[in-house]
Amino acid sequence: MDWLCLILAGLFECGWAVGLKYTDGFTKPVPSLLTVLAMAISFWLLSVAIKTIPVGTAYAVWTGIGAVSVAILGMILFGESRDVMRIVCLLLIVSGIFGLKLVSPS
C-alpha cells in the first residue's frame, strides 16, 4: 500500500508541476487552487509512504516519477524537445526508479 501511495504522490507531483504553468504566476484562481491542492495531496501521500519506505528511496522515486511525467507532458502539451538523447535519459531515470524498488527492503 505504501508503494501505491508513493506512486500516486509522484503523479500528484506531476500534476502540480504542470499546474504551475497554468497558474500564470498564481494570478489565475482556479488553476492556482488546483495546483496547491495537488501539492498538498502529493506531500501528504509522500509522508504516508515514508512511514515504511526508506526516505532516500521514497524521495528519489517521488521526484523521478514527477520528473519523467512532467517531461513527457511537456512534450505533449507544450511542444518541448523530443530529442532521442532526452528520451534515453528519461528511460535511465525510469530504470533507476525500478532499480530502487527492487533493492528496497520494504
Protein backbone atom coordinates (compact mmCIF):
# COMPACT_ATOMS: atom_id res chain seq x y z
CA MET A 1 0.00 0.00 0.00
CA ASP A 2 2.85 2.40 0.76
CA TRP A 3 4.29 1.93 -2.73
CA LEU A 4 0.88 2.76 -4.19
CA CYS A 5 0.84 5.93 -2.07
CA LEU A 6 4.31 6.77 -3.34
CA ILE A 7 3.34 6.29 -6.98
CA LEU A 8 0.23 8.42 -6.50
CA ALA A 9 2.34 11.05 -4.73
CA GLY A 10 4.62 11.17 -7.77
CA LEU A 11 1.66 11.57 -10.11
CA PHE A 12 0.25 14.39 -8.00
CA GLU A 13 3.70 15.97 -8.09
CA CYS A 14 3.45 15.88 -11.85
CA GLY A 15 0.01 17.49 -11.58
CA TRP A 16 1.21 20.41 -9.51
CA ALA A 17 4.36 20.92 -11.56
CA VAL A 18 2.39 21.13 -14.80
CA GLY A 19 -0.30 23.10 -12.98
CA LEU A 20 2.25 25.81 -12.22
CA LYS A 21 2.41 26.54 -15.94
CA TYR A 22 -1.33 27.24 -15.97
CA THR A 23 -1.42 29.43 -12.82
CA ASP A 24 0.29 32.30 -14.62
CA GLY A 25 2.27 33.17 -11.50
CA PHE A 26 -0.68 32.29 -9.26
CA THR A 27 -2.81 35.01 -10.85
CA LYS A 28 -5.47 32.58 -12.12
CA PRO A 29 -7.62 31.40 -9.20
CA VAL A 30 -8.88 28.01 -10.39
CA PRO A 31 -5.56 26.66 -11.72
CA SER A 32 -3.84 28.08 -8.63
CA LEU A 33 -6.26 26.34 -6.26
CA LEU A 34 -5.94 23.03 -8.12
CA THR A 35 -2.15 23.31 -8.13
CA VAL A 36 -1.95 23.98 -4.39
CA LEU A 37 -4.39 21.13 -3.75
CA ALA A 38 -2.23 18.77 -5.84
CA MET A 39 0.83 19.92 -3.86
CA ALA A 40 -0.86 19.17 -0.55
CA ILE A 41 -2.04 15.73 -1.69
CA SER A 42 1.38 14.91 -3.11
CA PHE A 43 3.19 15.82 0.10
CA TRP A 44 0.63 14.01 2.25
CA LEU A 45 0.92 10.81 0.19
CA LEU A 46 4.72 11.06 0.34
CA SER A 47 4.54 11.41 4.12
CA VAL A 48 2.39 8.27 4.31
CA ALA A 49 4.80 6.34 2.09
CA ILE A 50 7.91 7.20 4.12
CA LYS A 51 6.44 5.55 7.18
CA THR A 52 7.76 2.24 5.81
CA ILE A 53 9.80 3.08 2.70
CA PRO A 54 13.28 4.48 3.38
CA VAL A 55 13.18 8.26 2.96
CA GLY A 56 16.06 8.33 0.43
CA THR A 57 14.38 5.73 -1.74
CA ALA A 58 10.95 7.32 -1.43
CA TYR A 59 12.21 10.79 -2.28
CA ALA A 60 14.20 9.57 -5.28
CA VAL A 61 11.23 7.61 -6.62
CA TRP A 62 8.83 10.51 -5.94
CA THR A 63 10.97 13.02 -7.78
CA GLY A 64 11.76 10.52 -10.54
CA ILE A 65 8.09 9.84 -11.23
CA GLY A 66 7.41 13.56 -11.21
CA ALA A 67 10.34 14.44 -13.43
CA VAL A 68 9.63 11.80 -16.05
CA SER A 69 5.90 12.51 -16.08
CA VAL A 70 6.39 16.26 -16.36
CA ALA A 71 8.94 15.82 -19.15
CA ILE A 72 6.53 13.62 -21.10
CA LEU A 73 3.63 16.03 -20.58
CA GLY A 74 5.92 18.90 -21.57
CA MET A 75 6.49 17.16 -24.89
CA ILE A 76 2.77 16.53 -25.39
CA LEU A 77 1.26 19.76 -24.07
CA PHE A 78 3.95 22.35 -24.66
CA GLY A 79 5.86 21.05 -27.69
CA GLU A 80 9.10 20.53 -25.77
CA SER A 81 12.00 18.69 -27.36
CA ARG A 82 11.58 15.01 -28.24
CA ASP A 83 15.25 14.52 -28.93
CA VAL A 84 16.44 10.91 -28.81
CA MET A 85 19.01 11.62 -26.09
CA ARG A 86 16.32 13.25 -23.96
CA ILE A 87 14.18 10.11 -24.26
CA VAL A 88 17.19 7.91 -23.43
CA CYS A 89 17.90 9.98 -20.32
CA LEU A 90 14.27 9.71 -19.21
CA LEU A 91 14.48 5.94 -19.66
CA LEU A 92 17.57 5.94 -17.44
CA ILE A 93 15.57 7.70 -14.73
CA VAL A 94 12.79 5.11 -15.09
CA SER A 95 15.32 2.29 -14.82
CA GLY A 96 16.68 3.91 -11.65
CA ILE A 97 13.18 4.04 -10.18
CA PHE A 98 12.66 0.34 -10.87
CA GLY A 99 16.11 -0.44 -9.51
CA LEU A 100 15.36 1.35 -6.25
CA LYS A 101 12.09 -0.55 -5.93
CA LEU A 102 13.92 -3.86 -6.45
CA VAL A 103 16.54 -3.20 -3.78
CA SER A 104 14.21 -1.53 -1.27
CA PRO A 105 13.82 -3.52 1.96
CA SER A 106 10.09 -2.77 2.21
